[in-house]
Protein backbone atom coordinates (compact mmCIF):
# COMPACT_ATOMS: atom_id res chain seq x y z
CA MET A 1 122.44 125.28 107.74
CA THR A 2 120.69 125.69 111.12
CA ARG A 3 117.07 126.18 111.77
CA GLN A 4 115.46 127.71 114.95
CA LEU A 5 112.17 126.11 116.11
CA THR A 6 109.91 126.37 119.25
CA CYS A 7 108.92 122.80 120.06
CA ILE A 8 105.27 121.95 120.29
CA GLY A 9 105.77 118.40 121.42
CA CYS A 10 104.89 119.19 125.07
CA PRO A 11 103.92 122.35 127.18
CA MET A 12 107.58 123.28 127.83
CA GLY A 13 107.98 125.04 124.39
CA CYS A 14 111.74 124.54 124.31
CA GLN A 15 113.72 126.65 121.76
CA LEU A 16 115.30 124.17 119.51
CA THR A 17 118.20 124.48 117.08
CA ALA A 18 118.55 122.01 114.29
CA THR A 19 121.42 121.40 112.17
CA ILE A 20 120.62 120.22 108.63
CA GLU A 21 123.16 118.79 106.21
CA ASN A 22 122.27 117.42 102.67
CA GLY A 23 118.53 117.49 103.59
CA VAL A 24 119.05 115.47 106.82
CA VAL A 25 119.03 116.69 110.38
CA THR A 26 122.19 115.87 111.98
CA THR A 27 121.80 117.30 115.46
CA VAL A 28 118.95 118.86 117.57
CA THR A 29 119.81 120.99 120.71
CA GLY A 30 117.74 122.80 123.19
CA ASN A 31 115.22 120.08 123.79
CA THR A 32 114.44 118.84 127.34
CA CYS A 33 112.69 115.62 126.21
CA LYS A 34 112.88 113.21 123.29
CA ARG A 35 109.70 114.63 121.87
CA GLY A 36 111.66 117.81 121.18
CA ASP A 37 114.25 115.87 119.10
CA ASP A 38 111.55 114.00 117.35
CA TYR A 39 109.55 117.09 116.52
CA ALA A 40 112.54 118.98 115.03
CA ARG A 41 113.66 116.22 112.81
CA LYS A 42 110.09 115.78 111.40
CA GLU A 43 109.44 119.34 111.02
CA CYS A 44 112.62 120.27 109.29
CA VAL A 45 112.34 117.38 106.71
CA ALA A 46 108.52 116.46 106.33
CA PRO A 47 106.33 118.92 108.26
CA MET A 48 102.88 117.47 109.08
CA ARG A 49 99.77 119.01 110.63
CA THR A 50 96.52 117.91 112.16
CA ILE A 51 93.83 120.06 110.40
CA THR A 52 90.55 120.96 112.17
CA GLY A 53 87.58 122.78 110.95
CA THR A 54 83.97 122.63 110.15
CA VAL A 55 82.00 120.90 107.39
CA ARG A 56 78.49 121.93 106.28
CA MET A 57 76.24 119.03 106.34
CA ALA A 58 73.54 118.23 103.68
CA ASP A 59 70.75 119.80 105.74
CA GLY A 60 72.74 123.01 106.27
CA ARG A 61 74.07 122.56 109.82
CA VAL A 62 77.74 122.51 110.38
CA ILE A 63 79.74 119.92 112.23
CA SER A 64 83.23 120.21 113.57
CA VAL A 65 85.83 117.79 112.08
CA ARG A 66 89.60 116.98 112.23
CA THR A 67 91.90 114.74 110.37
CA ARG A 68 92.41 111.53 112.20
CA THR A 69 96.28 111.95 112.09
CA ASP A 70 98.66 114.37 110.58
CA VAL A 71 98.76 115.20 106.95
CA PRO A 72 101.52 116.80 104.97
CA LYS A 73 101.68 120.57 105.60
CA ALA A 74 101.88 121.23 101.87
CA LYS A 75 98.34 119.62 101.64
CA MET A 76 96.77 121.91 104.33
CA PHE A 77 94.88 124.17 101.83
CA ASP A 78 93.75 121.15 99.65
CA VAL A 79 92.34 119.52 102.86
CA ALA A 80 90.57 122.80 103.73
CA ASP A 81 89.06 122.99 100.46
CA ALA A 82 87.83 119.29 100.73
CA PHE A 83 86.19 120.44 104.20
CA ASN A 84 84.42 123.19 102.02
CA LYS A 85 83.10 120.80 99.40
CA ALA A 86 81.97 117.94 101.58
CA ARG A 87 78.23 117.51 102.39
CA PRO A 88 77.68 114.51 104.76
CA ALA A 89 74.23 113.58 105.84
CA ALA A 90 73.09 113.04 109.32
CA PRO A 91 73.31 111.36 111.74
CA LEU A 92 77.00 111.75 112.58
CA HIS A 93 78.69 110.74 115.72
CA ILE A 94 82.05 111.61 117.32
CA GLY A 95 84.66 109.49 115.36
CA ASP A 96 82.61 108.84 112.27
CA VAL A 97 84.33 109.25 108.99
CA VAL A 98 83.30 112.38 107.20
CA ILE A 99 85.80 112.27 104.38
CA ALA A 100 87.65 109.00 103.63
CA ASP A 101 91.40 109.29 102.51
CA VAL A 102 91.30 113.09 102.14
CA CYS A 103 93.11 114.42 99.14
CA GLY A 104 94.83 111.06 98.68
CA THR A 105 96.65 111.31 101.97
CA GLY A 106 95.48 108.15 103.47
CA VAL A 107 94.05 109.90 106.40
CA ASP A 108 90.40 110.29 107.20
CA VAL A 109 88.45 113.35 108.29
CA VAL A 110 86.36 112.47 111.35
CA ALA A 111 83.56 114.18 113.10
CA THR A 112 84.24 115.73 116.54
CA ALA A 113 80.64 116.28 117.60
CA ASN A 114 77.43 114.53 117.29
CA ARG A 115 74.59 115.52 115.00
CA GLU A 116 71.22 113.61 114.77
């Protein structure tokens, strides 16, 4: 089986072709750098995403947030739901943990803005 992908590892946006056999990526073509190979192998077997959004604070204001690192793509909607349920209190500063270990992923959600 083959899968066509557009690489998001760098600004080049290479058109990749990944060959998958028995759930394992055996070859990747079309990449101009190693990041493309790495991206295709990860995307075809265990896709991950960084999730960004906003969280309403206890005082009603909103603050922008993101996951510190990638989370499994299958958990995207669960993470978004956790964003909707969280109500952190001020003050918050860039990098502060807003939600620890979101949805059991081992990844923290952090503030990307300051709120006093």
